[in-house]
PDB file of N, CA and C in Angstrom:
ATOM      1  N   UNK A   1      83.617  86.259 104.919  1.00  0.00           N
ATOM      2  CA  UNK A   1      84.171  84.950 105.199  1.00  0.00           C
ATOM      3  C   UNK A   1      84.135  84.693 106.692  1.00  0.00           C
ATOM      4  N   UNK A   2      83.856  83.458 107.036  1.00  0.00           N
ATOM      5  CA  UNK A   2      83.848  83.059 108.437  1.00  0.00           C
ATOM      6  C   UNK A   2      84.327  81.626 108.527  1.00  0.00           C
ATOM      7  N   UNK A   3      85.172  81.353 109.519  1.00  0.00           N
ATOM      8  CA  UNK A   3      85.631  79.982 109.711  1.00  0.00           C
ATOM      9  C   UNK A   3      86.078  79.788 111.147  1.00  0.00           C
ATOM     10  N   UNK A   4      86.040  78.522 111.562  1.00  0.00           N
ATOM     11  CA  UNK A   4      86.451  78.124 112.902  1.00  0.00           C
ATOM     12  C   UNK A   4      87.414  76.962 112.736  1.00  0.00           C
ATOM     13  N   UNK A   5      88.475  76.959 113.512  1.00  0.00           N
ATOM     14  CA  UNK A   5      89.432  75.851 113.469  1.00  0.00           C
ATOM     15  C   UNK A   5      89.709  75.395 114.895  1.00  0.00           C
ATOM     16  N   UNK A   6      89.719  74.066 115.079  1.00  0.00           N
ATOM     17  CA  UNK A   6      90.027  73.493 116.380  1.00  0.00           C
ATOM     18  C   UNK A   6      91.166  72.494 116.200  1.00  0.00           C
ATOM     19  N   UNK A   7      92.177  72.566 117.045  1.00  0.00           N
ATOM     20  CA  UNK A   7      93.319  71.659 116.987  1.00  0.00           C
ATOM     21  C   UNK A   7      93.308  70.736 118.196  1.00  0.00           C
ATOM     22  N   UNK A   8      93.368  69.444 117.944  1.00  0.00           N
ATOM     23  CA  UNK A   8      93.453  68.447 119.007  1.00  0.00           C
ATOM     24  C   UNK A   8      94.909  68.257 119.410  1.00  0.00           C
ATOM     25  N   UNK A   9      95.135  67.652 120.572  1.00  0.00           N
ATOM     26  CA  UNK A   9      96.491  67.430 121.072  1.00  0.00           C
ATOM     27  C   UNK A   9      97.323  66.531 120.155  1.00  0.00           C
ATOM     28  N   UNK A  10      96.675  65.608 119.435  1.00  0.00           N
ATOM     29  CA  UNK A  10      97.399  64.680 118.568  1.00  0.00           C
ATOM     30  C   UNK A  10      97.746  65.287 117.202  1.00  0.00           C
ATOM     31  N   UNK A  11      97.435  66.568 116.987  1.00  0.00           N
ATOM     32  CA  UNK A  11      97.765  67.227 115.722  1.00  0.00           C
ATOM     33  C   UNK A  11      96.630  67.296 114.729  1.00  0.00           C
ATOM     34  N   UNK A  12      95.528  66.592 114.987  1.00  0.00           N
ATOM     35  CA  UNK A  12      94.361  66.650 114.102  1.00  0.00           C
ATOM     36  C   UNK A  12      93.731  68.034 114.188  1.00  0.00           C
ATOM     37  N   UNK A  13      93.425  68.617 113.029  1.00  0.00           N
ATOM     38  CA  UNK A  13      92.792  69.925 112.985  1.00  0.00           C
ATOM     39  C   UNK A  13      91.479  69.816 112.210  1.00  0.00           C
ATOM     40  N   UNK A  14      90.434  70.440 112.733  1.00  0.00           N
ATOM     41  CA  UNK A  14      89.116  70.466 112.112  1.00  0.00           C
ATOM     42  C   UNK A  14      88.810  71.918 111.774  1.00  0.00           C
ATOM     43  N   UNK A  15      88.355  72.152 110.536  1.00  0.00           N
ATOM     44  CA  UNK A  15      87.957  73.499 110.115  1.00  0.00           C
ATOM     45  C   UNK A  15      86.530  73.447 109.602  1.00  0.00           C
ATOM     46  N   UNK A  16      85.779  74.514 109.837  1.00  0.00           N
ATOM     47  CA  UNK A  16      84.416  74.633 109.317  1.00  0.00           C
ATOM     48  C   UNK A  16      84.177  76.089 108.955  1.00  0.00           C
ATOM     49  N   UNK A  17      83.388  76.298 107.914  1.00  0.00           N
ATOM     50  CA  UNK A  17      83.082  77.648 107.462  1.00  0.00           C
ATOM     51  C   UNK A  17      83.387  77.799 105.994  1.00  0.00           C
ATOM     52  N   UNK A  18      83.726  78.999 105.566  1.00  0.00           N
ATOM     53  CA  UNK A  18      84.119  79.242 104.180  1.00  0.00           C
ATOM     54  C   UNK A  18      85.628  79.020 104.116  1.00  0.00           C
ATOM     55  N   UNK A  19      86.012  77.821 103.672  1.00  0.00           N
ATOM     56  CA  UNK A  19      87.413  77.403 103.717  1.00  0.00           C
ATOM     57  C   UNK A  19      87.888  76.978 102.332  1.00  0.00           C
ATOM     58  N   UNK A  20      89.195  76.982 102.153  1.00  0.00           N
ATOM     59  CA  UNK A  20      89.772  76.568 100.874  1.00  0.00           C
ATOM     60  C   UNK A  20      89.898  75.056 100.844  1.00  0.00           C
ATOM     61  N   UNK A  21      89.494  74.466  99.725  1.00  0.00           N
ATOM     62  CA  UNK A  21      89.634  73.020  99.581  1.00  0.00           C
ATOM     63  C   UNK A  21      91.104  72.655  99.493  1.00  0.00           C
ATOM     64  N   UNK A  22      91.467  71.593 100.193  1.00  0.00           N
ATOM     65  CA  UNK A  22      92.827  71.083 100.205  1.00  0.00           C
ATOM     66  C   UNK A  22      93.028  70.245  98.954  1.00  0.00           C
ATOM     67  N   UNK A  23      93.833  70.729  98.002  1.00  0.00           N
ATOM     68  CA  UNK A  23      94.011  70.002  96.751  1.00  0.00           C
ATOM     69  C   UNK A  23      95.453  70.058  96.292  1.00  0.00           C
ATOM     70  N   UNK A  24      95.808  69.179  95.390  1.00  0.00           N
ATOM     71  CA  UNK A  24      97.114  69.090  94.741  1.00  0.00           C
ATOM     72  C   UNK A  24      98.230  68.971  95.761  1.00  0.00           C
ATOM     73  N   UNK A  25      99.444  69.339  95.355  1.00  0.00           N
ATOM     74  CA  UNK A  25     100.567  69.326  96.287  1.00  0.00           C
ATOM     75  C   UNK A  25     100.749  70.664  96.963  1.00  0.00           C
ATOM     76  N   UNK A  26      99.931  71.638  96.607  1.00  0.00           N
ATOM     77  CA  UNK A  26     100.050  72.965  97.219  1.00  0.00           C
ATOM     78  C   UNK A  26      99.792  72.880  98.712  1.00  0.00           C
ATOM     79  N   UNK A  27     100.637  73.505  99.473  1.00  0.00           N
ATOM     80  CA  UNK A  27     100.449  73.555 100.915  1.00  0.00           C
ATOM     81  C   UNK A  27      99.562  74.742 101.253  1.00  0.00           C
ATOM     82  N   UNK A  28      98.648  74.564 102.164  1.00  0.00           N
ATOM     83  CA  UNK A  28      97.808  75.666 102.638  1.00  0.00           C
ATOM     84  C   UNK A  28      98.482  76.263 103.861  1.00  0.00           C
ATOM     85  N   UNK A  29      99.607  76.873 103.641  1.00  0.00           N
ATOM     86  CA  UNK A  29     100.421  77.405 104.727  1.00  0.00           C
ATOM     87  C   UNK A  29     101.219  78.596 104.218  1.00  0.00           C
ATOM     88  N   UNK A  30     101.961  79.183 105.058  1.00  0.00           N
ATOM     89  CA  UNK A  30     102.834  80.283 104.678  1.00  0.00           C
ATOM     90  C   UNK A  30     103.894  79.800 103.696  1.00  0.00           C
ATOM     91  N   UNK A  31     104.261  80.636 102.750  1.00  0.00           N
ATOM     92  CA  UNK A  31     105.297  80.249 101.784  1.00  0.00           C
ATOM     93  C   UNK A  31     106.655  80.088 102.460  1.00  0.00           C
ATOM     94  N   UNK A  32     106.770  80.488 103.692  1.00  0.00           N
ATOM     95  CA  UNK A  32     108.009  80.290 104.452  1.00  0.00           C
ATOM     96  C   UNK A  32     108.321  78.804 104.604  1.00  0.00           C
ATOM     97  N   UNK A  33     107.261  77.955 104.607  1.00  0.00           N
ATOM     98  CA  UNK A  33     107.437  76.531 104.881  1.00  0.00           C
ATOM     99  C   UNK A  33     107.406  75.663 103.629  1.00  0.00           C
ATOM    100  N   UNK A  34     107.407  76.239 102.443  1.00  0.00           N
ATOM    101  CA  UNK A  34     107.332  75.434 101.229  1.00  0.00           C
ATOM    102  C   UNK A  34     108.380  75.901 100.223  1.00  0.00           C
ATOM    103  N   UNK A  35     108.540  75.110  99.179  1.00  0.00           N
ATOM    104  CA  UNK A  35     109.440  75.464  98.082  1.00  0.00           C
ATOM    105  C   UNK A  35     108.645  76.168  96.991  1.00  0.00           C
ATOM    106  N   UNK A  36     109.296  76.999  96.210  1.00  0.00           N
ATOM    107  CA  UNK A  36     108.581  77.742  95.163  1.00  0.00           C
ATOM    108  C   UNK A  36     107.966  76.813  94.133  1.00  0.00           C
ATOM    109  N   UNK A  37     108.509  75.635  93.928  1.00  0.00           N
ATOM    110  CA  UNK A  37     107.963  74.709  92.943  1.00  0.00           C
ATOM    111  C   UNK A  37     106.554  74.237  93.337  1.00  0.00           C
ATOM    112  N   UNK A  38     106.196  74.371  94.612  1.00  0.00           N
ATOM    113  CA  UNK A  38     104.889  73.907  95.070  1.00  0.00           C
ATOM    114  C   UNK A  38     103.748  74.844  94.683  1.00  0.00           C
ATOM    115  N   UNK A  39     104.045  76.022  94.156  1.00  0.00           N
ATOM    116  CA  UNK A  39     103.006  76.961  93.743  1.00  0.00           C
ATOM    117  C   UNK A  39     102.652  76.711  92.284  1.00  0.00           C
ATOM    118  N   UNK A  40     101.804  75.750  92.044  1.00  0.00           N
ATOM    119  CA  UNK A  40     101.485  75.304  90.693  1.00  0.00           C
ATOM    120  C   UNK A  40     100.375  76.138  90.066  1.00  0.00           C
ATOM    121  N   UNK A  41     100.646  76.692  88.893  1.00  0.00           N
ATOM    122  CA  UNK A  41      99.630  77.440  88.166  1.00  0.00           C
ATOM    123  C   UNK A  41      98.505  76.518  87.723  1.00  0.00           C
ATOM    124  N   UNK A  42      98.840  75.312  87.294  1.00  0.00           N
ATOM    125  CA  UNK A  42      97.830  74.353  86.858  1.00  0.00           C
ATOM    126  C   UNK A  42      96.864  74.032  88.000  1.00  0.00           C
ATOM    127  N   UNK A  43      97.394  73.809  89.195  1.00  0.00           N
ATOM    128  CA  UNK A  43      96.535  73.512  90.344  1.00  0.00           C
ATOM    129  C   UNK A  43      95.614  74.685  90.647  1.00  0.00           C
ATOM    130  N   UNK A  44      96.115  75.909  90.563  1.00  0.00           N
ATOM    131  CA  UNK A  44      95.276  77.070  90.820  1.00  0.00           C
ATOM    132  C   UNK A  44      94.213  77.247  89.745  1.00  0.00           C
ATOM    133  N   UNK A  45      94.488  76.812  88.524  1.00  0.00           N
ATOM    134  CA  UNK A  45      93.498  76.890  87.445  1.00  0.00           C
ATOM    135  C   UNK A  45      92.288  76.023  87.752  1.00  0.00           C
ATOM    136  N   UNK A  46      92.511  74.841  88.306  1.00  0.00           N
ATOM    137  CA  UNK A  46      91.425  73.904  88.583  1.00  0.00           C
ATOM    138  C   UNK A  46      90.930  73.947  90.015  1.00  0.00           C
ATOM    139  N   UNK A  47      91.428  74.849  90.809  1.00  0.00           N
ATOM    140  CA  UNK A  47      91.040  74.925  92.212  1.00  0.00           C
ATOM    141  C   UNK A  47      89.650  75.521  92.373  1.00  0.00           C
ATOM    142  N   UNK A  48      88.812  74.908  93.202  1.00  0.00           N
ATOM    143  CA  UNK A  48      87.514  75.509  93.532  1.00  0.00           C
ATOM    144  C   UNK A  48      87.649  76.636  94.563  1.00  0.00           C
ATOM    145  N   UNK A  49      88.844  76.833  95.084  1.00  0.00           N
ATOM    146  CA  UNK A  49      89.152  77.868  96.065  1.00  0.00           C
ATOM    147  C   UNK A  49      88.230  77.789  97.276  1.00  0.00           C
ATOM    148  N   UNK A  50      87.686  78.900  97.757  1.00  0.00           N
ATOM    149  CA  UNK A  50      86.962  78.924  99.023  1.00  0.00           C
ATOM    150  C   UNK A  50      85.500  78.511  98.836  1.00  0.00           C
ATOM    151  N   UNK A  51      85.061  77.529  99.634  1.00  0.00           N
ATOM    152  CA  UNK A  51      83.689  77.022  99.613  1.00  0.00           C
ATOM    153  C   UNK A  51      83.232  76.797 101.054  1.00  0.00           C
ATOM    154  N   UNK A  52      81.918  76.832 101.268  1.00  0.00           N
ATOM    155  CA  UNK A  52      81.376  76.507 102.584  1.00  0.00           C
ATOM    156  C   UNK A  52      81.545  75.012 102.808  1.00  0.00           C
ATOM    157  N   UNK A  53      82.077  74.618 103.959  1.00  0.00           N
ATOM    158  CA  UNK A  53      82.258  73.196 104.218  1.00  0.00           C
ATOM    159  C   UNK A  53      82.938  72.925 105.541  1.00  0.00           C
ATOM    160  N   UNK A  54      83.339  71.666 105.679  1.00  0.00           N
ATOM    161  CA  UNK A  54      84.048  71.212 106.874  1.00  0.00           C
ATOM    162  C   UNK A  54      85.176  70.287 106.417  1.00  0.00           C
ATOM    163  N   UNK A  55      86.342  70.400 107.058  1.00  0.00           N
ATOM    164  CA  UNK A  55      87.464  69.545 106.685  1.00  0.00           C
ATOM    165  C   UNK A  55      88.262  69.142 107.912  1.00  0.00           C
ATOM    166  N   UNK A  56      89.027  68.072 107.752  1.00  0.00           N
ATOM    167  CA  UNK A  56      89.924  67.586 108.799  1.00  0.00           C
ATOM    168  C   UNK A  56      91.261  67.271 108.153  1.00  0.00           C
ATOM    169  N   UNK A  57      92.345  67.603 108.846  1.00  0.00           N
ATOM    170  CA  UNK A  57      93.660  67.277 108.314  1.00  0.00           C
ATOM    171  C   UNK A  57      94.637  67.048 109.458  1.00  0.00           C
ATOM    172  N   UNK A  58      95.700  66.309 109.131  1.00  0.00           N
ATOM    173  CA  UNK A  58      96.699  65.998 110.139  1.00  0.00           C
ATOM    174  C   UNK A  58      98.047  65.786 109.446  1.00  0.00           C
ATOM    175  N   UNK A  59      99.110  66.246 110.074  1.00  0.00           N
ATOM    176  CA  UNK A  59     100.466  66.098 109.546  1.00  0.00           C
ATOM    177  C   UNK A  59     101.340  65.427 110.584  1.00  0.00           C
ATOM    178  N   UNK A  60     102.128  64.456 110.149  1.00  0.00           N
ATOM    179  CA  UNK A  60     103.066  63.772 111.035  1.00  0.00           C
ATOM    180  C   UNK A  60     104.483  64.196 110.671  1.00  0.00           C
ATOM    181  N   UNK A  61     105.140  64.935 111.551  1.00  0.00           N
ATOM    182  CA  UNK A  61     106.512  65.368 111.284  1.00  0.00           C
ATOM    183  C   UNK A  61     107.465  64.191 111.208  1.00  0.00           C
ATOM    184  N   UNK A  62     107.188  63.139 111.955  1.00  0.00           N
ATOM    185  CA  UNK A  62     108.081  61.972 111.970  1.00  0.00           C
ATOM    186  C   UNK A  62     108.117  61.269 110.616  1.00  0.00           C
ATOM    187  N   UNK A  63     106.960  61.086 109.997  1.00  0.00           N
ATOM    188  CA  UNK A  63     106.902  60.349 108.731  1.00  0.00           C
ATOM    189  C   UNK A  63     106.837  61.256 107.510  1.00  0.00           C
ATOM    190  N   UNK A  64     106.431  62.524 107.672  1.00  0.00           N
ATOM    191  CA  UNK A  64     106.273  63.425 106.525  1.00  0.00           C
ATOM    192  C   UNK A  64     104.949  63.248 105.813  1.00  0.00           C
ATOM    193  N   UNK A  65     104.042  62.449 106.361  1.00  0.00           N
ATOM    194  CA  UNK A  65     102.737  62.183 105.736  1.00  0.00           C
ATOM    195  C   UNK A  65     101.720  63.204 106.227  1.00  0.00           C
ATOM    196  N   UNK A  66     100.911  63.694 105.288  1.00  0.00           N
ATOM    197  CA  UNK A  66      99.818  64.604 105.618  1.00  0.00           C
ATOM    198  C   UNK A  66      98.574  64.149 104.873  1.00  0.00           C
ATOM    199  N   UNK A  67      97.445  64.068 105.569  1.00  0.00           N
ATOM    200  CA  UNK A  67      96.187  63.747 104.904  1.00  0.00           C
ATOM    201  C   UNK A  67      95.183  64.853 105.185  1.00  0.00           C
ATOM    202  N   UNK A  68      94.231  64.976 104.291  1.00  0.00           N
ATOM    203  CA  UNK A  68      93.146  65.942 104.465  1.00  0.00           C
ATOM    204  C   UNK A  68      91.905  65.390 103.783  1.00  0.00           C
ATOM    205  N   UNK A  69      90.760  65.535 104.427  1.00  0.00           N
ATOM    206  CA  UNK A  69      89.474  65.157 103.846  1.00  0.00           C
ATOM    207  C   UNK A  69      88.492  66.286 104.129  1.00  0.00           C
ATOM    208  N   UNK A  70      87.525  66.462 103.234  1.00  0.00           N
ATOM    209  CA  UNK A  70      86.554  67.519 103.448  1.00  0.00           C
ATOM    210  C   UNK A  70      85.284  67.316 102.648  1.00  0.00           C
ATOM    211  N   UNK A  71      84.222  67.949 103.115  1.00  0.00           N
ATOM    212  CA  UNK A  71      82.933  67.967 102.428  1.00  0.00           C
ATOM    213  C   UNK A  71      82.539  69.428 102.291  1.00  0.00           C
ATOM    214  N   UNK A  72      82.160  69.815 101.064  1.00  0.00           N
ATOM    215  CA  UNK A  72      81.913  71.218 100.747  1.00  0.00           C
ATOM    216  C   UNK A  72      80.623  71.376  99.959  1.00  0.00           C
ATOM    217  N   UNK A  73      80.033  72.567 100.026  1.00  0.00           N
ATOM    218  CA  UNK A  73      78.891  72.886  99.181  1.00  0.00           C
ATOM    219  C   UNK A  73      79.374  72.889  97.738  1.00  0.00           C
ATOM    220  N   UNK A  74      78.669  72.173  96.871  1.00  0.00           N
ATOM    221  CA  UNK A  74      79.090  72.010  95.481  1.00  0.00           C
ATOM    222  C   UNK A  74      78.590  73.179  94.628  1.00  0.00           C
ATOM    223  N   UNK A  75      79.213  74.348  94.815  1.00  0.00           N
ATOM    224  CA  UNK A  75      78.800  75.510  94.022  1.00  0.00           C
ATOM    225  C   UNK A  75      79.961  76.106  93.236  1.00  0.00           C
ATOM    226  N   UNK A  76      80.923  75.262  92.862  1.00  0.00           N
ATOM    227  CA  UNK A  76      82.048  75.717  92.040  1.00  0.00           C
ATOM    228  C   UNK A  76      81.880  75.200  90.615  1.00  0.00           C
ATOM    229  N   UNK A  77      82.618  75.773  89.694  1.00  0.00           N
ATOM    230  CA  UNK A  77      82.656  75.338  88.293  1.00  0.00           C
ATOM    231  C   UNK A  77      81.276  75.376  87.642  1.00  0.00           C
ATOM    232  N   UNK A  78      80.500  76.375  87.934  1.00  0.00           N
ATOM    233  CA  UNK A  78      79.197  76.539  87.308  1.00  0.00           C
ATOM    234  C   UNK A  78      78.052  75.845  88.010  1.00  0.00           C
ATOM    235  N   UNK A  79      78.332  75.016  89.003  1.00  0.00           N
ATOM    236  CA  UNK A  79      77.260  74.345  89.753  1.00  0.00           C
ATOM    237  C   UNK A  79      76.655  75.337  90.741  1.00  0.00           C
ATOM    238  N   UNK A  80      75.371  75.156  91.035  1.00  0.00           N
ATOM    239  CA  UNK A  80      74.672  76.085  91.922  1.00  0.00           C
ATOM    240  C   UNK A  80      74.727  75.674  93.387  1.00  0.00           C
ATOM    241  N   UNK A  81      75.072  74.415  93.656  1.00  0.00           N
ATOM    242  CA  UNK A  81      75.055  73.917  95.030  1.00  0.00           C
ATOM    243  C   UNK A  81      73.721  73.311  95.409  1.00  0.00           C
ATOM    244  N   UNK A  82      72.787  73.272  94.452  1.00  0.00           N
ATOM    245  CA  UNK A  82      71.463  72.681  94.680  1.00  0.00           C
ATOM    246  C   UNK A  82      71.072  71.847  93.463  1.00  0.00           C
ATOM    247  N   UNK A  83      70.282  70.787  93.679  1.00  0.00           N
ATOM    248  CA  UNK A  83      69.807  70.006  92.544  1.00  0.00           C
ATOM    249  C   UNK A  83      68.404  70.459  92.132  1.00  0.00           C
ATOM    250  N   UNK A  84      67.760  69.677  91.273  1.00  0.00           N
ATOM    251  CA  UNK A  84      66.468  70.083  90.709  1.00  0.00           C
ATOM    252  C   UNK A  84      65.386  70.332  91.759  1.00  0.00           C
ATOM    253  N   UNK A  85      65.372  69.556  92.851  1.00  0.00           N
ATOM    254  CA  UNK A  85      64.344  69.758  93.886  1.00  0.00           C
ATOM    255  C   UNK A  85      64.847  70.694  94.993  1.00  0.00           C
ATOM    256  N   UNK A  86      65.879  71.493  94.689  1.00  0.00           N
ATOM    257  CA  UNK A  86      66.419  72.536  95.559  1.00  0.00           C
ATOM    258  C   UNK A  86      67.074  71.998  96.834  1.00  0.00           C
ATOM    259  N   UNK A  87      67.449  70.712  96.842  1.00  0.00           N
ATOM    260  CA  UNK A  87      68.193  70.219  98.002  1.00  0.00           C
ATOM    261  C   UNK A  87      69.689  70.460  97.779  1.00  0.00           C
ATOM    262  N   UNK A  88      70.406  70.566  98.859  1.00  0.00           N
ATOM    263  CA  UNK A  88      71.826  70.899  98.839  1.00  0.00           C
ATOM    264  C   UNK A  88      72.639  69.773  98.197  1.00  0.00           C
ATOM    265  N   UNK A  89      73.579  70.117  97.322  1.00  0.00           N
ATOM    266  CA  UNK A  89      74.501  69.130  96.764  1.00  0.00           C
ATOM    267  C   UNK A  89      75.890  69.375  97.341  1.00  0.00           C
ATOM    268  N   UNK A  90      76.626  68.299  97.557  1.00  0.00           N
ATOM    269  CA  UNK A  90      77.918  68.382  98.222  1.00  0.00           C
ATOM    270  C   UNK A  90      79.024  67.813  97.342  1.00  0.00           C
ATOM    271  N   UNK A  91      80.230  68.269  97.574  1.00  0.00           N
ATOM    272  CA  UNK A  91      81.431  67.730  96.942  1.00  0.00           C
ATOM    273  C   UNK A  91      82.321  67.172  98.042  1.00  0.00           C
ATOM    274  N   UNK A  92      82.986  66.060  97.765  1.00  0.00           N
ATOM    275  CA  UNK A  92      83.907  65.449  98.728  1.00  0.00           C
ATOM    276  C   UNK A  92      85.311  65.471  98.141  1.00  0.00           C
ATOM    277  N   UNK A  93      86.269  65.856  98.963  1.00  0.00           N
ATOM    278  CA  UNK A  93      87.653  65.984  98.511  1.00  0.00           C
ATOM    279  C   UNK A  93      88.586  65.300  99.497  1.00  0.00           C
ATOM    280  N   UNK A  94      89.608  64.625  98.973  1.00  0.00           N
ATOM    281  CA  UNK A  94      90.610  63.991  99.808  1.00  0.00           C
ATOM    282  C   UNK A  94      92.001  64.211  99.237  1.00  0.00           C
ATOM    283  N   UNK A  95      92.976  64.300 100.106  1.00  0.00           N
ATOM    284  CA  UNK A  95      94.350  64.550  99.683  1.00  0.00           C
ATOM    285  C   UNK A  95      95.303  63.808 100.599  1.00  0.00           C
ATOM    286  N   UNK A  96      96.351  63.212 100.021  1.00  0.00           N
ATOM    287  CA  UNK A  96      97.379  62.523 100.788  1.00  0.00           C
ATOM    288  C   UNK A  96      98.724  62.925 100.197  1.00  0.00           C
ATOM    289  N   UNK A  97      99.634  63.420 101.029  1.00  0.00           N
ATOM    290  CA  UNK A  97     100.963  63.808 100.547  1.00  0.00           C
ATOM    291  C   UNK A  97     102.035  63.253 101.471  1.00  0.00           C
ATOM    292  N   UNK A  98     103.216  63.104 100.890  1.00  0.00           N
ATOM    293  CA  UNK A  98     104.401  62.714 101.643  1.00  0.00           C
ATOM    294  C   UNK A  98     105.549  63.577 101.160  1.00  0.00           C
ATOM    295  N   UNK A  99     106.318  64.098 102.096  1.00  0.00           N
ATOM    296  CA  UNK A  99     107.464  64.908 101.713  1.00  0.00           C
ATOM    297  C   UNK A  99     108.653  64.582 102.597  1.00  0.00           C
ATOM    298  N   UNK A 100     109.815  64.715 101.985  1.00  0.00           N
ATOM    299  CA  UNK A 100     111.062  64.500 102.695  1.00  0.00           C
ATOM    300  C   UNK A 100     112.025  65.588 102.248  1.00  0.00           C
ATOM    301  N   UNK A 101     112.608  66.283 103.191  1.00  0.00           N
ATOM    302  CA  UNK A 101     113.539  67.356 102.855  1.00  0.00           C
ATOM    303  C   UNK A 101     114.815  67.178 103.653  1.00  0.00           C
ATOM    304  N   UNK A 102     115.918  67.238 102.937  1.00  0.00           N
ATOM    305  CA  UNK A 102     117.231  67.233 103.569  1.00  0.00           C
ATOM    306  C   UNK A 102     118.090  68.222 102.786  1.00  0.00           C
ATOM    307  N   UNK A 103     119.203  68.640 103.309  1.00  0.00           N
ATOM    308  CA  UNK A 103     120.007  69.641 102.588  1.00  0.00           C
ATOM    309  C   UNK A 103     120.309  69.210 101.150  1.00  0.00           C
ATOM    310  N   UNK A 104     119.849  70.018 100.194  1.00  0.00           N
ATOM    311  CA  UNK A 104     120.089  69.752  98.780  1.00  0.00           C
ATOM    312  C   UNK A 104     119.156  68.741  98.151  1.00  0.00           C
ATOM    313  N   UNK A 105     118.169  68.232  98.892  1.00  0.00           N
ATOM    314  CA  UNK A 105     117.297  67.188  98.345  1.00  0.00           C
ATOM    315  C   UNK A 105     115.880  67.343  98.887  1.00  0.00           C
ATOM    316  N   UNK A 106     114.918  67.439  97.993  1.00  0.00           N
ATOM    317  CA  UNK A 106     113.513  67.518  98.395  1.00  0.00           C
ATOM    318  C   UNK A 106     112.712  66.539  97.554  1.00  0.00           C
ATOM    319  N   UNK A 107     111.915  65.722  98.200  1.00  0.00           N
ATOM    320  CA  UNK A 107     110.995  64.808  97.510  1.00  0.00           C
ATOM    321  C   UNK A 107     109.604  65.123  98.022  1.00  0.00           C
ATOM    322  N   UNK A 108     108.642  65.259  97.112  1.00  0.00           N
ATOM    323  CA  UNK A 108     107.262  65.577  97.493  1.00  0.00           C
ATOM    324  C   UNK A 108     106.340  64.801  96.575  1.00  0.00           C
ATOM    325  N   UNK A 109     105.595  63.862  97.130  1.00  0.00           N
ATOM    326  CA  UNK A 109     104.662  63.037  96.362  1.00  0.00           C
ATOM    327  C   UNK A 109     103.272  63.181  96.953  1.00  0.00           C
ATOM    328  N   UNK A 110     102.263  63.032  96.104  1.00  0.00           N
ATOM    329  CA  UNK A 110     100.919  63.129  96.650  1.00  0.00           C
ATOM    330  C   UNK A 110      99.848  62.746  95.658  1.00  0.00           C
ATOM    331  N   UNK A 111      98.637  62.617  96.188  1.00  0.00           N
ATOM    332  CA  UNK A 111      97.467  62.320  95.364  1.00  0.00           C
ATOM    333  C   UNK A 111      96.305  63.138  95.896  1.00  0.00           C
ATOM    334  N   UNK A 112      95.443  63.560  94.983  1.00  0.00           N
ATOM    335  CA  UNK A 112      94.268  64.347  95.344  1.00  0.00           C
ATOM    336  C   UNK A 112      93.089  63.845  94.524  1.00  0.00           C
ATOM    337  N   UNK A 113      91.923  63.774  95.128  1.00  0.00           N
ATOM    338  CA  UNK A 113      90.716  63.368  94.406  1.00  0.00           C
ATOM    339  C   UNK A 113      89.547  64.177  94.919  1.00  0.00           C
ATOM    340  N   UNK A 114      88.682  64.574  94.001  1.00  0.00           N
ATOM    341  CA  UNK A 114      87.475  65.292  94.370  1.00  0.00           C
ATOM    342  C   UNK A 114      86.303  64.687  93.629  1.00  0.00           C
ATOM    343  N   UNK A 115      85.234  64.431  94.349  1.00  0.00           N
ATOM    344  CA  UNK A 115      84.011  63.900  93.737  1.00  0.00           C
ATOM    345  C   UNK A 115      82.978  65.000  93.765  1.00  0.00           C
ATOM    346  N   UNK A 116      82.547  65.441  92.572  1.00  0.00           N
ATOM    347  CA  UNK A 116      81.578  66.546  92.478  1.00  0.00           C
ATOM    348  C   UNK A 116      80.900  66.512  91.130  1.00  0.00           C
ATOM    349  N   UNK A 117      79.737  67.128  91.069  1.00  0.00           N
ATOM    350  CA  UNK A 117      79.010  67.294  89.814  1.00  0.00           C
ATOM    351  C   UNK A 117      79.435  68.632  89.233  1.00  0.00           C
ATOM    352  N   UNK A 118      80.102  68.593  88.082  1.00  0.00           N
ATOM    353  CA  UNK A 118      80.540  69.840  87.448  1.00  0.00           C
ATOM    354  C   UNK A 118      79.550  70.208  86.357  1.00  0.00           C
ATOM    355  N   UNK A 119      78.768  71.251  86.579  1.00  0.00           N
ATOM    356  CA  UNK A 119      77.762  71.696  85.623  1.00  0.00           C
ATOM    357  C   UNK A 119      78.429  72.030  84.325  1.00  0.00           C
TER     358      UNK A 119
END
């Protein structure tokens, strides 16, 4: 595995290499910063996990909004990552979440979409 991550001053982070696709409400962070309910078995069942690609994400502590977008080699779920004429095929993934936490109350909403050819 190989990956590179660069963080800009405004909080935007860019990753490239063999990286995990940002999907569902699962946080790609230490479990220290999330609730146990965020570890969804269903999400892990459908996760393409680590793929070669590039992604960008940003989190705003003030609003609780986090977005992530990425483009990955489409070689998950039985796909080879190449089409009939051996050119590279790609998958695009996007995620938007909002969370609010206060003592005794946690709200976490989000949406995830991935466009890919599933063999």
